[in-house]
Amino acid sequence: MFVTTTPSHEFTSFGNRINRMLNDMFAGSDWQYPDNAVASWVPPVDVLEEKDGIRIQAELPGVKPEDVQISIENNVLSINGKKRQQTEEKMEQVRRFERTYGTFARTFTLPATVDAANINATYENGVLTVMLPKVEQAKPRQIAVQVAKG
């Protein structure tokens, strides 16, 4: 049983319109929110480029690692999963639910500099970290200056 203080469908509809507007505005961007009818919520992520690769960190509090799937297909990395709602049988009355539950999805178009065969993921304290190592040719390197003899 869900009891809310405001009509949630109004906020959901408004949120969906905002997401669609942002998707339209950033249509050419590689890092965009998916317009996915299956996803109930979109976890926030940080995308950081480092010397040896790209690090994606997604906040997934309350999500069990076994409920997360990471896949790569056609140079697109997908992070999908489900946050299950914990219910107690002893509950008499629910005053408010504000936390988000259900399925989630994030997709990222990978640059050509990523070594897709060596991607790895770790999960700690509700944060999923996906490391996308760069191919050797894309890593920065120092070039020594040769002194001409003569």
Protein backbone atom coordinates (compact mmCIF):
# COMPACT_ATOMS: atom_id res chain seq x y z
CA MET A 1 0.00 0.00 0.00
CA PHE A 2 1.40 3.40 -0.99
CA VAL A 3 0.26 6.63 0.61
CA THR A 4 1.60 9.84 -0.85
CA THR A 5 1.06 13.45 0.02
CA THR A 6 1.07 14.71 -3.58
CA PRO A 7 -0.08 13.15 -6.85
CA SER A 8 3.08 11.36 -8.02
CA HIS A 9 1.87 11.03 -11.62
CA GLU A 10 2.15 14.80 -12.03
CA PHE A 11 5.82 14.77 -11.02
CA THR A 12 6.56 11.66 -13.08
CA SER A 13 4.98 13.19 -16.16
CA PHE A 14 6.82 16.48 -15.62
CA GLY A 15 10.11 14.63 -15.05
CA ASN A 16 9.64 12.60 -18.23
CA ARG A 17 9.01 15.80 -20.21
CA ILE A 18 12.17 17.40 -18.78
CA ASN A 19 14.23 14.28 -19.61
CA ARG A 20 12.91 14.23 -23.19
CA MET A 21 13.67 17.95 -23.56
CA LEU A 22 17.25 17.43 -22.32
CA ASN A 23 17.70 14.41 -24.60
CA ASP A 24 16.54 16.50 -27.57
CA MET A 25 18.84 19.36 -26.61
CA PHE A 26 21.89 17.08 -26.23
CA ALA A 27 21.02 14.67 -29.06
CA GLY A 28 24.55 14.78 -30.52
CA SER A 29 26.25 14.07 -27.21
CA ASP A 30 27.82 10.69 -26.45
CA TRP A 31 26.80 10.81 -22.76
CA GLN A 32 23.04 11.23 -22.54
CA TYR A 33 20.18 10.03 -20.37
CA PRO A 34 18.29 7.23 -22.04
CA ASP A 35 14.69 7.72 -23.04
CA ASN A 36 13.91 4.21 -21.85
CA ALA A 37 10.29 3.33 -21.12
CA VAL A 38 11.44 0.28 -19.13
CA ALA A 39 13.60 2.22 -16.65
CA SER A 40 11.90 3.38 -13.46
CA TRP A 41 14.80 5.58 -12.39
CA VAL A 42 18.17 6.78 -13.65
CA PRO A 43 21.12 6.48 -11.26
CA PRO A 44 23.48 9.47 -11.22
CA VAL A 45 26.96 8.85 -12.64
CA ASP A 46 30.33 10.57 -12.74
CA VAL A 47 32.46 10.06 -15.86
CA LEU A 48 36.13 10.84 -15.33
CA GLU A 49 38.93 10.64 -17.88
CA GLU A 50 42.26 9.61 -16.42
CA LYS A 51 45.69 9.05 -17.94
CA ASP A 52 45.17 5.31 -18.43
CA GLY A 53 41.42 5.17 -19.00
CA ILE A 54 37.92 6.37 -18.31
CA ARG A 55 36.20 5.73 -14.97
CA ILE A 56 32.42 5.62 -14.66
CA GLN A 57 31.02 5.69 -11.12
CA ALA A 58 27.30 5.08 -10.61
CA GLU A 59 25.46 5.58 -7.32
CA LEU A 60 23.37 2.46 -6.71
CA PRO A 61 22.47 2.56 -3.00
CA GLY A 62 20.42 -0.40 -1.91
CA VAL A 63 21.09 -2.35 -5.12
CA LYS A 64 22.60 -5.79 -4.70
CA PRO A 65 25.60 -6.49 -6.97
CA GLU A 66 23.86 -9.58 -8.37
CA ASP A 67 21.00 -7.32 -9.57
CA VAL A 68 23.35 -5.33 -11.85
CA GLN A 69 24.17 -6.33 -15.43
CA ILE A 70 26.90 -4.67 -17.49
CA SER A 71 27.20 -5.40 -21.19
CA ILE A 72 28.91 -4.04 -24.27
CA GLU A 73 27.56 -4.30 -27.79
CA ASN A 74 28.38 -2.27 -30.90
CA ASN A 75 30.66 0.03 -28.88
CA VAL A 76 27.85 0.86 -26.40
CA LEU A 77 28.30 0.09 -22.71
CA SER A 78 25.01 -0.65 -20.91
CA ILE A 79 24.46 -0.73 -17.16
CA ASN A 80 21.07 -2.21 -16.22
CA GLY A 81 19.57 -3.51 -13.05
CA LYS A 82 16.85 -3.45 -10.47
CA LYS A 83 16.49 -1.94 -7.01
CA ARG A 84 14.08 -4.07 -5.03
CA GLN A 85 11.81 -2.57 -2.40
CA GLN A 86 12.18 -3.99 1.09
CA THR A 87 8.84 -4.38 2.81
CA GLU A 88 8.05 -5.39 6.34
CA GLU A 89 5.04 -7.52 7.13
CA LYS A 90 4.60 -5.78 10.51
CA MET A 91 4.00 -2.36 8.92
CA GLU A 92 0.62 -0.96 9.83
CA GLN A 93 0.65 2.27 7.90
CA VAL A 94 3.02 3.85 5.40
CA ARG A 95 3.41 7.60 5.85
CA ARG A 96 5.58 8.36 2.83
CA PHE A 97 7.75 6.66 0.20
CA GLU A 98 10.39 8.93 -1.35
CA ARG A 99 13.09 6.46 -2.31
CA THR A 100 13.07 5.16 -5.87
CA TYR A 101 12.70 1.47 -6.69
CA GLY A 102 12.46 -0.57 -9.85
CA THR A 103 14.53 -1.05 -12.95
CA PHE A 104 17.25 1.31 -14.10
CA ALA A 105 19.35 1.71 -17.23
CA ARG A 106 22.28 3.83 -18.38
CA THR A 107 24.08 3.58 -21.72
CA PHE A 108 27.34 5.11 -22.89
CA THR A 109 28.83 5.27 -26.38
CA LEU A 110 32.47 4.32 -26.01
CA PRO A 111 35.22 6.26 -27.77
CA ALA A 112 37.58 4.35 -30.08
CA THR A 113 40.36 4.80 -27.50
CA VAL A 114 38.76 2.30 -25.06
CA ASP A 115 40.14 -1.25 -24.83
CA ALA A 116 36.77 -3.02 -24.63
CA ALA A 117 38.35 -6.43 -23.96
CA ASN A 118 39.77 -5.27 -20.62
CA ILE A 119 36.84 -3.41 -19.04
CA ASN A 120 36.31 -4.30 -15.38
CA ALA A 121 33.80 -3.36 -12.69
CA THR A 122 33.81 -3.22 -8.89
CA TYR A 123 31.04 -2.51 -6.39
CA GLU A 124 31.66 -1.01 -2.96
CA ASN A 125 29.40 0.86 -0.50
CA GLY A 126 26.62 1.34 -3.04
CA VAL A 127 28.93 2.72 -5.75
CA LEU A 128 29.56 0.81 -8.98
CA THR A 129 32.90 1.68 -10.60
CA VAL A 130 33.48 0.65 -14.21
CA MET A 131 37.04 1.09 -15.50
CA LEU A 132 37.43 1.52 -19.23
CA PRO A 133 41.18 1.21 -19.97
CA LYS A 134 42.63 3.04 -22.95
CA VAL A 135 44.39 1.17 -25.74
CA GLU A 136 48.18 1.60 -25.58
CA GLN A 137 48.21 3.89 -28.64
CA ALA A 138 45.83 6.33 -26.91
CA LYS A 139 47.80 6.66 -23.67
CA PRO A 140 49.89 9.81 -23.33
CA ARG A 141 53.62 9.32 -23.68
CA GLN A 142 56.72 11.45 -23.46
CA ILE A 143 58.81 12.04 -26.56
CA ALA A 144 62.49 12.68 -25.96
CA VAL A 145 64.05 15.57 -27.86
CA GLN A 146 67.17 14.49 -29.74
CA VAL A 147 70.03 16.94 -30.02
CA ALA A 148 71.33 17.25 -33.57
CA LYS A 149 75.05 16.64 -33.93
CA GLY A 150 76.87 18.86 -36.24
